[in-house]
């Protein structure tokens, strides 16, 4: 019964958010916020310590603003609505998990990546994981692990298995740099008013391809074994599954971009609208012996899969806004605005500070929200929106790779029976360092061109 009530609250949150935005009804947007808070309360017992801490800090920040600066409650309401949009995005992303997880096509596509010659397998998993993770998100990592466990009849090679899991993880990390279905992209594009999301997505995608090529070559050179002795006898697998998944990915992106351009909806809300429709279509396109009613129930139940992340980002939006309001009241911030520090130096500080927070076991999401809100409306954000957005997104991706508490590090650590800090701070250190160097070069070039 409680599960049904929770799913109803989450569904009502999504419906009210979309309807309130389309109809410009503030009451519906407030109702969406109410349903989002109700969903957090209903699942409180199932939340871990970290989201509970975030929710507690968020409540304290909201009360502090309401008591000390009641004239700023409007900004707090806007921040809460932004957090509701993040929570709604995560909820509908969960709906896509069941159709993709049960999909024979997705399984075959992932299997194709492991049937290429050994010397090219790291590159195949790295690039393929980048593409597949757009639909499967971090779920691509355990899927690869399952396939690796059954890849060969001989005794598995733990070193090669670890290397290929890292290839999948790193491809997924770079997907977060540009994916419109990612929370980082939503945070940045909704916080910089002069940023056009579609050209920025194209720029971020091109940047991720450069990073993917560079890190892929480095990873392939470091791959254990360069011969084809590990290649299966029947390795000649047709690539149709990969092609079909790529086409499905392009269709999803086209739907989100098209709706954004035609309707004027923000990118995050266009994605929230498109994802459930896409998930339902995928469910119907690949029927299973199970009754459709059960598949639909499982798809809706996926809205609760990312409850931890939803609670964190809902709270982080409020926390970031409260901190930014406090900083703006300080004379130091006014002095900095007057001094107008070099924009490129500020961008480099962002590139360094966010990953350092992640490496220090701190949730980097709050810092990204804070910096996006502070700098998005500053002279730097207004004059160089592309440079600022790309710096924040690059820092977001690097922080995920370096953070011992990121979902990817935790999952990879669990699958390899290794502490997550070893995955992030030892195995991924060289990868993150290369990304940092490349990011600084790209951001500096973009800033120099005036974007």
Protein backbone atom coordinates (compact mmCIF):
# COMPACT_ATOMS: atom_id res chain seq x y z
CA UNK A 1 0.00 0.00 0.00
CA UNK A 2 2.77 2.43 0.98
CA UNK A 3 4.62 1.62 -2.25
CA UNK A 4 1.53 2.48 -4.30
CA UNK A 5 1.08 5.78 -2.45
CA UNK A 6 4.74 6.62 -3.03
CA UNK A 7 4.53 5.91 -6.76
CA UNK A 8 1.35 8.00 -6.98
CA UNK A 9 3.15 10.91 -5.28
CA UNK A 10 6.08 10.64 -7.70
CA UNK A 11 3.80 10.41 -10.73
CA UNK A 12 1.76 13.38 -9.48
CA UNK A 13 4.99 15.36 -9.04
CA UNK A 14 5.94 14.77 -12.69
CA UNK A 15 2.43 15.51 -14.02
CA UNK A 16 2.03 18.69 -11.97
CA UNK A 17 5.49 19.90 -12.95
CA UNK A 18 4.82 19.47 -16.66
CA UNK A 19 1.25 20.80 -16.50
CA UNK A 20 2.24 23.76 -14.35
CA UNK A 21 5.01 24.70 -16.76
CA UNK A 22 2.89 24.29 -19.90
CA UNK A 23 -0.07 26.19 -18.43
CA UNK A 24 2.06 28.72 -16.50
CA UNK A 25 0.19 27.83 -13.32
CA UNK A 26 2.16 28.58 -10.18
CA UNK A 27 -0.29 26.58 -8.08
CA UNK A 28 0.50 23.39 -10.01
CA UNK A 29 4.23 24.00 -9.63
CA UNK A 30 3.76 24.41 -5.88
CA UNK A 31 1.74 21.18 -5.89
CA UNK A 32 4.63 19.44 -7.68
CA UNK A 33 6.97 20.63 -4.93
CA UNK A 34 4.53 19.36 -2.31
CA UNK A 35 4.37 15.93 -3.94
CA UNK A 36 8.18 15.83 -4.19
CA UNK A 37 8.54 16.56 -0.47
CA UNK A 38 5.83 14.01 0.31
CA UNK A 39 7.74 11.38 -1.70
CA UNK A 40 10.88 12.07 0.34
CA UNK A 41 8.91 11.78 3.59
CA UNK A 42 7.24 8.53 2.52
CA UNK A 43 10.54 6.83 1.75
CA UNK A 44 12.49 8.36 4.65
CA UNK A 45 13.12 4.99 6.32
CA UNK A 46 14.67 3.65 3.11
CA UNK A 47 17.04 6.57 2.56
CA UNK A 48 20.68 6.25 3.54
CA UNK A 49 22.56 8.59 5.89
CA UNK A 50 23.85 10.91 3.13
CA UNK A 51 20.46 11.87 1.62
CA UNK A 52 19.03 12.29 5.13
CA UNK A 53 21.84 14.70 5.96
CA UNK A 54 21.19 16.61 2.75
CA UNK A 55 17.46 16.85 3.45
CA UNK A 56 18.15 18.05 6.99
CA UNK A 57 20.59 20.72 5.80
CA UNK A 58 18.14 21.75 3.09
CA UNK A 59 15.34 22.22 5.63
CA UNK A 60 17.66 24.22 7.90
CA UNK A 61 18.75 26.44 4.98
CA UNK A 62 15.14 27.04 3.93
CA UNK A 63 14.14 27.99 7.48
CA UNK A 64 17.18 30.24 7.80
CA UNK A 65 16.32 32.15 4.63
CA UNK A 66 12.64 32.41 5.59
CA UNK A 67 13.49 33.81 9.03
CA UNK A 68 16.52 35.99 8.26
CA UNK A 69 15.70 37.13 4.73
CA UNK A 70 11.96 36.77 4.14
CA UNK A 71 12.28 39.03 1.09
CA UNK A 72 14.30 36.26 -0.62
CA UNK A 73 11.69 33.52 -0.18
CA UNK A 74 10.78 33.89 -3.85
CA UNK A 75 14.29 32.82 -4.88
CA UNK A 76 14.05 29.91 -2.48
CA UNK A 77 10.78 28.85 -4.13
CA UNK A 78 12.45 29.00 -7.54
CA UNK A 79 15.30 26.86 -6.21
CA UNK A 80 12.85 24.30 -4.85
CA UNK A 81 11.14 24.15 -8.23
CA UNK A 82 14.52 23.62 -9.87
CA UNK A 83 15.17 20.79 -7.41
CA UNK A 84 11.77 19.29 -8.24
CA UNK A 85 12.76 19.29 -11.91
CA UNK A 86 15.95 17.40 -11.00
CA UNK A 87 13.96 14.88 -8.95
CA UNK A 88 11.45 14.45 -11.78
CA UNK A 89 14.26 13.82 -14.27
CA UNK A 90 15.75 11.13 -12.03
CA UNK A 91 12.33 9.55 -11.52
CA UNK A 92 11.60 9.21 -15.25
CA UNK A 93 15.15 7.99 -15.87
CA UNK A 94 14.29 5.18 -13.48
CA UNK A 95 11.29 4.33 -15.65
CA UNK A 96 13.63 3.65 -18.57
CA UNK A 97 15.65 1.13 -16.58
CA UNK A 98 13.17 -1.75 -16.75
CA UNK A 99 12.63 -1.73 -20.53
CA UNK A 100 16.39 -1.45 -21.12
CA UNK A 101 17.34 -4.00 -18.45
CA UNK A 102 15.01 -6.66 -19.88
CA UNK A 103 15.90 -5.85 -23.48
CA UNK A 104 17.49 -8.70 -25.49
CA UNK A 105 18.69 -6.06 -27.95
CA UNK A 106 20.65 -4.20 -25.26
CA UNK A 107 22.18 -7.48 -24.05
CA UNK A 108 23.28 -8.40 -27.58
CA UNK A 109 24.68 -4.92 -28.15
CA UNK A 110 26.78 -5.11 -24.98
CA UNK A 111 27.87 -8.63 -25.92
CA UNK A 112 29.16 -7.36 -29.28
CA UNK A 113 31.63 -5.13 -27.44
CA UNK A 114 33.32 -8.12 -25.86
CA UNK A 115 33.65 -10.16 -29.04
CA UNK A 116 36.21 -7.99 -30.78
CA UNK A 117 39.93 -8.84 -30.85
CA UNK A 118 41.69 -8.35 -27.52
CA UNK A 119 43.88 -5.49 -28.69
CA UNK A 120 40.79 -3.46 -29.63
CA UNK A 121 38.52 -4.61 -26.84
CA UNK A 122 39.29 -1.77 -24.43
CA UNK A 123 38.44 0.76 -27.13
CA UNK A 124 35.26 -1.12 -28.05
CA UNK A 125 34.03 -1.25 -24.45
CA UNK A 126 35.07 2.36 -23.83
CA UNK A 127 33.26 3.79 -26.85
CA UNK A 128 30.37 1.32 -26.71
CA UNK A 129 29.86 1.95 -23.00
CA UNK A 130 29.70 5.67 -23.76
CA UNK A 131 26.84 5.10 -26.21
CA UNK A 132 24.96 2.43 -24.25
CA UNK A 133 25.14 4.36 -20.99
CA UNK A 134 23.02 7.12 -22.50
CA UNK A 135 20.12 4.66 -22.19
CA UNK A 136 21.35 2.40 -19.39
CA UNK A 137 23.29 4.95 -17.32
CA UNK A 138 25.47 3.32 -14.64
CA UNK A 139 23.64 0.03 -15.24
CA UNK A 140 26.00 -0.62 -18.14
CA UNK A 141 28.78 -1.41 -15.61
CA UNK A 142 27.09 -4.44 -13.93
CA UNK A 143 25.82 -5.57 -17.34
CA UNK A 144 29.40 -5.69 -18.63
CA UNK A 145 30.46 -7.50 -15.47
CA UNK A 146 27.82 -10.20 -16.02
CA UNK A 147 28.96 -10.68 -19.60
CA UNK A 148 32.63 -10.79 -18.62
CA UNK A 149 31.87 -13.48 -16.05
CA UNK A 150 30.52 -15.73 -18.82
CA UNK A 151 32.75 -14.58 -21.66
CA UNK A 152 35.21 -17.48 -21.64
CA UNK A 153 35.04 -21.10 -20.55
CA UNK A 154 38.57 -20.85 -19.21
CA UNK A 155 39.47 -19.31 -15.87
CA UNK A 156 38.71 -15.56 -16.01
CA UNK A 157 41.53 -13.04 -15.95
CA UNK A 158 40.83 -10.58 -13.07
CA UNK A 159 43.27 -7.97 -14.39
CA UNK A 160 41.70 -7.90 -17.85
CA UNK A 161 38.21 -7.93 -16.32
CA UNK A 162 39.07 -4.93 -14.14
CA UNK A 163 40.53 -3.09 -17.11
CA UNK A 164 37.41 -3.61 -19.20
CA UNK A 165 35.12 -2.56 -16.35
CA UNK A 166 37.16 0.63 -16.04
CA UNK A 167 36.78 1.12 -19.79
CA UNK A 168 33.01 0.96 -19.42
CA UNK A 169 33.06 3.24 -16.38
CA UNK A 170 35.23 5.84 -18.11
CA UNK A 171 33.04 5.83 -21.20
CA UNK A 172 30.05 6.42 -18.94
CA UNK A 173 31.85 9.25 -17.13
CA UNK A 174 32.42 11.06 -20.42
CA UNK A 175 28.76 10.60 -21.35
CA UNK A 176 27.82 12.75 -18.34
CA UNK A 177 29.71 15.64 -19.93
CA UNK A 178 27.11 16.19 -22.64
CA UNK A 179 24.02 14.02 -22.06
CA UNK A 180 20.82 16.09 -21.84
CA UNK A 181 19.45 13.29 -19.66
CA UNK A 182 22.06 13.94 -16.98
CA UNK A 183 21.56 16.02 -13.85
CA UNK A 184 24.81 17.90 -14.38
CA UNK A 185 23.64 19.11 -17.79
CA UNK A 186 20.31 20.13 -16.26
CA UNK A 187 22.01 22.08 -13.45
CA UNK A 188 24.30 24.00 -15.77
CA UNK A 189 21.80 24.78 -18.53
CA UNK A 190 19.15 26.01 -16.08
CA UNK A 191 21.58 28.22 -14.13
CA UNK A 192 23.18 30.21 -16.96
CA UNK A 193 20.46 32.41 -18.50
CA UNK A 194 22.41 33.35 -21.65
CA UNK A 195 23.30 29.74 -22.52
CA UNK A 196 21.54 28.10 -25.48
CA UNK A 197 21.33 24.38 -24.53
CA UNK A 198 21.30 22.90 -28.04
CA UNK A 199 24.53 24.49 -29.37
CA UNK A 200 26.11 23.80 -25.99
CA UNK A 201 25.12 20.12 -26.19
CA UNK A 202 26.78 19.93 -29.61
CA UNK A 203 29.92 21.59 -28.23
CA UNK A 204 30.00 19.32 -25.17
CA UNK A 205 29.48 16.25 -27.36
CA UNK A 206 32.37 17.25 -29.64
CA UNK A 207 34.54 17.83 -26.57
CA UNK A 208 33.64 14.43 -25.14
CA UNK A 209 34.61 12.80 -28.45
CA UNK A 210 38.05 14.43 -28.27
CA UNK A 211 38.44 13.29 -24.67
CA UNK A 212 37.16 9.81 -25.53
CA UNK A 213 39.68 9.42 -28.36
CA UNK A 214 42.62 10.61 -26.24
CA UNK A 215 41.82 8.57 -23.14
CA UNK A 216 40.89 5.57 -25.27
CA UNK A 217 44.32 5.52 -26.92
CA UNK A 218 45.99 5.82 -23.52
CA UNK A 219 43.84 3.03 -22.07
CA UNK A 220 44.44 0.75 -25.05
CA UNK A 221 48.20 1.22 -24.74
CA UNK A 222 48.00 0.23 -21.06
CA UNK A 223 45.70 -2.76 -21.69
CA UNK A 224 46.99 -6.12 -20.39
CA UNK A 225 47.87 -8.34 -23.36
CA UNK A 226 47.99 -7.15 -26.94
CA UNK A 227 47.56 -10.39 -28.82
CA UNK A 228 44.32 -11.87 -30.04
CA UNK A 229 44.67 -15.03 -27.99
CA UNK A 230 41.68 -14.02 -25.90
CA UNK A 231 39.41 -13.75 -28.89
CA UNK A 232 36.56 -16.23 -28.97
CA UNK A 233 36.45 -18.62 -31.95
CA UNK A 234 33.05 -17.29 -33.00
CA UNK A 235 33.95 -13.65 -32.55
CA UNK A 236 32.50 -12.60 -35.91
CA UNK A 237 29.34 -11.11 -34.48
CA UNK A 238 27.24 -8.90 -36.72
CA UNK A 239 26.93 -5.33 -35.39
CA UNK A 240 23.19 -4.97 -36.01
CA UNK A 241 22.32 -4.79 -32.28
CA UNK A 242 24.78 -1.94 -31.78
CA UNK A 243 23.44 -0.12 -34.82
CA UNK A 244 19.85 -0.50 -33.61
CA UNK A 245 20.71 0.77 -30.12
CA UNK A 246 22.56 3.71 -31.66
CA UNK A 247 19.50 4.53 -33.78
CA UNK A 248 17.28 4.31 -30.68
CA UNK A 249 19.64 6.68 -28.86
CA UNK A 250 19.57 9.15 -31.74
CA UNK A 251 15.78 8.95 -31.84
CA UNK A 252 15.57 9.76 -28.13
CA UNK A 253 17.89 12.73 -28.52
CA UNK A 254 15.97 13.95 -31.57
CA UNK A 255 12.68 13.78 -29.67
CA UNK A 256 14.08 15.75 -26.72
CA UNK A 257 15.75 18.39 -28.90
CA UNK A 258 12.72 18.65 -31.19
CA UNK A 259 10.29 19.14 -28.31
CA UNK A 260 12.59 21.73 -26.75
CA UNK A 261 12.83 23.69 -30.00
CA UNK A 262 9.14 23.45 -30.94
CA UNK A 263 7.50 23.97 -27.55
CA UNK A 264 10.01 26.26 -25.89
CA UNK A 265 10.19 23.94 -22.88
CA UNK A 266 13.49 23.88 -21.05
CA UNK A 267 15.72 20.98 -22.01
CA UNK A 268 15.21 19.25 -18.68
CA UNK A 269 11.41 19.41 -18.93
CA UNK A 270 11.47 18.27 -22.56
CA UNK A 271 13.49 15.26 -21.43
CA UNK A 272 11.10 14.59 -18.55
CA UNK A 273 8.23 14.58 -21.04
CA UNK A 274 9.94 12.39 -23.66
CA UNK A 275 11.51 9.70 -21.46
CA UNK A 276 8.28 8.00 -20.22
CA UNK A 277 6.91 7.92 -23.78
CA UNK A 278 10.17 6.45 -25.05
CA UNK A 279 10.24 3.86 -22.23
CA UNK A 280 6.67 2.79 -23.02
CA UNK A 281 7.46 2.48 -26.73
CA UNK A 282 10.54 0.35 -25.96
CA UNK A 283 8.41 -1.86 -23.73
CA UNK A 284 5.88 -2.42 -26.50
CA UNK A 285 8.54 -2.87 -29.20
CA UNK A 286 10.15 -5.79 -27.35
CA UNK A 287 7.31 -7.86 -25.87
CA UNK A 288 8.10 -10.68 -23.46
CA UNK A 289 6.11 -13.70 -22.24
CA UNK A 290 5.31 -11.72 -19.08
CA UNK A 291 1.94 -9.93 -19.09
CA UNK A 292 2.11 -6.33 -20.27
CA UNK A 293 0.45 -5.23 -17.04
CA UNK A 294 3.36 -6.62 -15.04
CA UNK A 295 5.91 -4.93 -17.31
CA UNK A 296 4.09 -1.61 -16.93
CA UNK A 297 4.05 -2.04 -13.15
CA UNK A 298 7.78 -2.78 -13.14
CA UNK A 299 8.44 0.24 -15.35
CA UNK A 300 6.51 2.53 -12.99
CA UNK A 301 8.25 0.99 -9.99
CA UNK A 302 11.52 2.17 -11.53
CA UNK A 303 10.57 5.72 -10.55
CA UNK A 304 11.75 4.80 -7.08
CA UNK A 305 15.10 3.32 -8.18
CA UNK A 306 16.95 6.63 -7.88
CA UNK A 307 15.31 7.86 -4.67
CA UNK A 308 18.68 8.55 -3.05
CA UNK A 309 19.86 10.76 -5.91
CA UNK A 310 16.45 12.48 -6.16
CA UNK A 311 16.50 13.42 -2.46
CA UNK A 312 20.08 14.68 -2.71
CA UNK A 313 19.54 16.87 -5.77
CA UNK A 314 16.21 18.18 -4.51
CA UNK A 315 17.97 19.31 -1.33
CA UNK A 316 21.14 20.44 -3.10
CA UNK A 317 19.21 22.98 -5.17
CA UNK A 318 17.90 24.62 -1.99
CA UNK A 319 21.25 24.42 -0.19
CA UNK A 320 23.15 25.90 -3.13
CA UNK A 321 20.70 28.79 -3.44
CA UNK A 322 20.79 29.55 0.28
CA UNK A 323 24.59 29.61 0.29
CA UNK A 324 24.71 31.77 -2.84
CA UNK A 325 22.28 34.24 -1.24
CA UNK A 326 24.48 34.41 1.84
CA UNK A 327 27.63 34.93 -0.23
CA UNK A 328 26.04 37.70 -2.30
CA UNK A 329 25.27 39.57 0.92
CA UNK A 330 28.93 39.65 1.89
CA UNK A 331 31.15 42.57 1.07
CA UNK A 332 33.84 40.20 -0.19
CA UNK A 333 31.59 39.09 -3.05
CA UNK A 334 30.84 42.69 -3.97
CA UNK A 335 34.56 43.48 -3.92
CA UNK A 336 35.30 40.53 -6.18
CA UNK A 337 32.64 41.70 -8.62
CA UNK A 338 34.19 45.17 -8.62
CA UNK A 339 37.73 43.85 -9.09
CA UNK A 340 36.55 41.64 -11.99
CA UNK A 341 39.16 38.85 -11.61
CA UNK A 342 40.45 37.31 -14.87
CA UNK A 343 37.71 35.12 -16.25
CA UNK A 344 40.04 32.32 -17.33
CA UNK A 345 41.50 32.12 -13.83
CA UNK A 346 37.98 31.75 -12.39
CA UNK A 347 37.22 28.97 -14.88
CA UNK A 348 40.41 27.14 -13.91
CA UNK A 349 39.48 27.47 -10.23
CA UNK A 350 36.13 25.82 -11.03
CA UNK A 351 37.91 23.06 -12.94
CA UNK A 352 40.13 22.33 -9.95
CA UNK A 353 37.79 22.93 -7.01
CA UNK A 354 34.92 20.66 -8.05
CA UNK A 355 37.03 17.50 -8.61
CA UNK A 356 38.96 18.23 -5.41
CA UNK A 357 35.66 18.28 -3.52
CA UNK A 358 34.72 14.95 -5.07
CA UNK A 359 38.09 13.41 -4.21
CA UNK A 360 37.66 14.63 -0.61
CA UNK A 361 34.50 12.50 -0.21
CA UNK A 362 32.29 15.60 -0.50
CA UNK A 363 29.20 15.60 -2.76
CA UNK A 364 30.36 17.79 -5.64
CA UNK A 365 26.77 18.45 -6.76
CA UNK A 366 26.27 21.21 -4.16
CA UNK A 367 29.45 22.98 -5.28
CA UNK A 368 28.41 22.76 -8.95
CA UNK A 369 24.97 24.21 -8.15
CA UNK A 370 26.54 26.94 -6.02
CA UNK A 371 29.10 27.95 -8.65
CA UNK A 372 26.55 27.77 -11.47
CA UNK A 373 24.16 30.05 -9.59
CA UNK A 374 26.85 32.49 -8.48
CA UNK A 375 28.66 32.73 -11.80
CA UNK A 376 25.75 32.13 -14.18
CA UNK A 377 24.43 35.67 -13.72
CA UNK A 378 27.85 37.30 -13.25
CA UNK A 379 29.75 39.15 -15.95
CA UNK A 380 31.66 35.94 -16.72
CA UNK A 381 28.47 33.93 -17.22
CA UNK A 382 26.81 36.62 -19.31
CA UNK A 383 29.81 37.24 -21.56
CA UNK A 384 31.25 33.72 -21.77
CA UNK A 385 28.35 31.31 -21.15
CA UNK A 386 29.81 28.49 -23.25
CA UNK A 387 33.19 28.62 -21.51
CA UNK A 388 31.62 28.64 -18.05
CA UNK A 389 29.19 25.84 -18.88
CA UNK A 390 31.89 23.64 -20.40
CA UNK A 391 34.24 24.24 -17.46
CA UNK A 392 31.51 23.19 -15.02
CA UNK A 393 30.57 20.11 -17.07
CA UNK A 394 34.19 19.00 -17.47
CA UNK A 395 34.71 19.45 -13.73
CA UNK A 396 31.51 17.48 -13.09
CA UNK A 397 32.78 14.53 -15.15
CA UNK A 398 36.24 14.57 -13.56
CA UNK A 399 34.68 14.75 -10.08
CA UNK A 400 32.59 11.64 -10.80
CA UNK A 401 35.74 9.74 -11.78
CA UNK A 402 37.63 10.89 -8.66
CA UNK A 403 34.83 10.70 -6.09
CA UNK A 404 34.91 7.59 -3.87
CA UNK A 405 31.22 8.13 -3.10
CA UNK A 406 30.01 8.43 -6.70
CA UNK A 407 27.66 5.69 -7.87
CA UNK A 408 30.16 4.59 -10.52
CA UNK A 409 33.06 4.21 -8.07
CA UNK A 410 30.88 2.40 -5.54
CA UNK A 411 29.53 0.02 -8.20
CA UNK A 412 32.91 -0.69 -9.80
CA UNK A 413 34.46 -1.21 -6.38
CA UNK A 414 31.74 -3.67 -5.38
CA UNK A 415 32.09 -5.66 -8.61
CA UNK A 416 35.89 -5.87 -8.33
CA UNK A 417 35.83 -6.35 -4.53
CA UNK A 418 37.97 -3.26 -4.14
CA UNK A 419 37.47 -0.23 -1.86
CA UNK A 420 35.85 2.59 -3.87
CA UNK A 421 38.65 5.01 -2.98
CA UNK A 422 41.10 2.70 -4.76
CA UNK A 423 38.93 2.80 -7.89
CA UNK A 424 38.63 6.58 -7.87
CA UNK A 425 41.90 7.84 -6.42
CA UNK A 426 44.30 5.19 -7.72
CA UNK A 427 42.92 3.49 -10.81
CA UNK A 428 41.26 6.63 -12.20
CA UNK A 429 43.92 9.14 -11.19
CA UNK A 430 45.77 9.09 -14.52
CA UNK A 431 42.49 9.21 -16.44
CA UNK A 432 41.34 12.21 -14.39
CA UNK A 433 44.69 13.98 -14.81
CA UNK A 434 44.48 13.61 -18.59
CA UNK A 435 40.92 14.93 -18.56
CA UNK A 436 42.02 17.92 -16.48
CA UNK A 437 44.81 18.85 -18.90
CA UNK A 438 42.55 18.47 -21.92
CA UNK A 439 39.74 20.40 -20.20
CA UNK A 440 42.00 23.33 -19.41
CA UNK A 441 43.21 23.44 -23.00
CA UNK A 442 39.70 23.32 -24.48
CA UNK A 443 38.23 25.84 -22.03
CA UNK A 444 41.15 28.24 -22.55
CA UNK A 445 40.71 28.02 -26.33
CA UNK A 446 36.97 28.57 -26.09
CA UNK A 447 37.42 31.52 -23.73
CA UNK A 448 40.04 33.03 -26.01
CA UNK A 449 37.57 32.85 -28.90
CA UNK A 450 35.09 34.87 -26.83
CA UNK A 451 32.46 32.18 -26.20
